[in-house]
Amino acid sequence: MQELNGRFLADKDMLEKQQMIDDCEKRESKLTEWESEFIDSLANRICRGHTLTDKQAERLLKIWDRITG
């Protein structure tokens, strides 16, 4: 059961990250060229079924906070 619960939490976390990526893509005009490419690479990574590293997730949060705040 623990594994299933962990899997559920991981899926929920990835859904939240995907929503943040979607939010960033909707505000692409506020992104630098590097940020835009970074966000695209994260979207591709998630589409391939990979998770984000802690460092990628932290950078995504910083970008998201800046452009949605």
C-alpha atoms as a PDB file:
ATOM      1  CA  MET A   1       0.000   0.000   0.000  1.00  0.00           C
ATOM      2  CA  GLN A   2       2.866   2.374   0.787  1.00  0.00           C
ATOM      3  CA  GLU A   3       4.193   1.974  -2.752  1.00  0.00           C
ATOM      4  CA  LEU A   4       0.805   2.784  -4.222  1.00  0.00           C
ATOM      5  CA  ASN A   5       0.467   5.823  -1.982  1.00  0.00           C
ATOM      6  CA  GLY A   6       3.971   6.961  -2.959  1.00  0.00           C
ATOM      7  CA  ARG A   7       3.068   6.474  -6.605  1.00  0.00           C
ATOM      8  CA  PHE A   8      -0.089   8.550  -6.144  1.00  0.00           C
ATOM      9  CA  LEU A   9       1.873  11.359  -4.502  1.00  0.00           C
ATOM     10  CA  ALA A  10       4.476  11.259  -7.282  1.00  0.00           C
ATOM     11  CA  ASP A  11       1.722  11.449  -9.913  1.00  0.00           C
ATOM     12  CA  LYS A  12       0.095  14.388  -8.118  1.00  0.00           C
ATOM     13  CA  ASP A  13       3.449  16.162  -7.932  1.00  0.00           C
ATOM     14  CA  MET A  14       4.040  15.656 -11.658  1.00  0.00           C
ATOM     15  CA  LEU A  15       0.552  16.963 -12.444  1.00  0.00           C
ATOM     16  CA  GLU A  16       1.363  20.104 -10.452  1.00  0.00           C
ATOM     17  CA  LYS A  17       4.656  20.499 -12.331  1.00  0.00           C
ATOM     18  CA  GLN A  18       2.841  20.023 -15.647  1.00  0.00           C
ATOM     19  CA  GLN A  19       0.362  22.747 -14.664  1.00  0.00           C
ATOM     20  CA  MET A  20       3.248  25.073 -13.836  1.00  0.00           C
ATOM     21  CA  ILE A  21       4.826  24.326 -17.219  1.00  0.00           C
ATOM     22  CA  ASP A  22       1.499  25.012 -18.936  1.00  0.00           C
ATOM     23  CA  ASP A  23       1.208  28.318 -17.052  1.00  0.00           C
ATOM     24  CA  CYS A  24       4.705  29.284 -18.184  1.00  0.00           C
ATOM     25  CA  GLU A  25       3.962  28.370 -21.796  1.00  0.00           C
ATOM     26  CA  LYS A  26       0.835  30.568 -21.715  1.00  0.00           C
ATOM     27  CA  ARG A  27       3.039  33.482 -20.607  1.00  0.00           C
ATOM     28  CA  GLU A  28       5.861  32.806 -23.038  1.00  0.00           C
ATOM     29  CA  SER A  29       6.257  36.509 -23.807  1.00  0.00           C
ATOM     30  CA  LYS A  30       7.479  37.015 -20.216  1.00  0.00           C
ATOM     31  CA  LEU A  31      10.177  34.350 -20.543  1.00  0.00           C
ATOM     32  CA  THR A  32      13.748  34.908 -21.614  1.00  0.00           C
ATOM     33  CA  GLU A  33      14.946  32.840 -24.550  1.00  0.00           C
ATOM     34  CA  TRP A  34      16.823  30.537 -22.166  1.00  0.00           C
ATOM     35  CA  GLU A  35      13.761  30.132 -19.923  1.00  0.00           C
ATOM     36  CA  SER A  36      11.559  29.342 -22.902  1.00  0.00           C
ATOM     37  CA  GLU A  37      13.953  26.627 -24.066  1.00  0.00           C
ATOM     38  CA  PHE A  38      14.235  25.310 -20.503  1.00  0.00           C
ATOM     39  CA  ILE A  39      10.452  25.099 -20.120  1.00  0.00           C
ATOM     40  CA  ASP A  40      10.205  23.296 -23.485  1.00  0.00           C
ATOM     41  CA  SER A  41      12.836  20.791 -22.357  1.00  0.00           C
ATOM     42  CA  LEU A  42      10.922  20.137 -19.127  1.00  0.00           C
ATOM     43  CA  ALA A  43       7.694  19.581 -21.059  1.00  0.00           C
ATOM     44  CA  ASN A  44       9.463  17.110 -23.349  1.00  0.00           C
ATOM     45  CA  ARG A  45      11.003  15.335 -20.364  1.00  0.00           C
ATOM     46  CA  ILE A  46       7.591  14.859 -18.727  1.00  0.00           C
ATOM     47  CA  CYS A  47       6.027  13.716 -22.011  1.00  0.00           C
ATOM     48  CA  ARG A  48       8.663  10.976 -22.192  1.00  0.00           C
ATOM     49  CA  GLY A  49       7.630   9.811 -18.719  1.00  0.00           C
ATOM     50  CA  HIS A  50      10.638  11.153 -16.817  1.00  0.00           C
ATOM     51  CA  THR A  51      10.490  13.066 -13.558  1.00  0.00           C
ATOM     52  CA  LEU A  52      12.193  16.390 -12.944  1.00  0.00           C
ATOM     53  CA  THR A  53      15.334  16.585 -10.877  1.00  0.00           C
ATOM     54  CA  ASP A  54      15.202  18.624  -7.686  1.00  0.00           C
ATOM     55  CA  LYS A  55      17.285  21.331  -9.365  1.00  0.00           C
ATOM     56  CA  GLN A  56      14.964  21.458 -12.397  1.00  0.00           C
ATOM     57  CA  ALA A  57      11.912  21.652 -10.134  1.00  0.00           C
ATOM     58  CA  GLU A  58      13.463  24.481  -8.111  1.00  0.00           C
ATOM     59  CA  ARG A  59      14.284  26.452 -11.267  1.00  0.00           C
ATOM     60  CA  LEU A  60      10.768  25.875 -12.632  1.00  0.00           C
ATOM     61  CA  LEU A  61       9.282  27.214  -9.396  1.00  0.00           C
ATOM     62  CA  LYS A  62      11.471  30.341  -9.546  1.00  0.00           C
ATOM     63  CA  ILE A  63      10.455  31.024 -13.145  1.00  0.00           C
ATOM     64  CA  TRP A  64       6.789  30.316 -12.400  1.00  0.00           C
ATOM     65  CA  ASP A  65       6.800  32.597  -9.353  1.00  0.00           C
ATOM     66  CA  ARG A  66       8.366  35.424 -11.341  1.00  0.00           C
ATOM     67  CA  ILE A  67       5.977  35.324 -14.291  1.00  0.00           C
ATOM     68  CA  THR A  68       2.759  34.587 -12.410  1.00  0.00           C
ATOM     69  CA  GLY A  69       3.349  36.831  -9.411  1.00  0.00           C
END
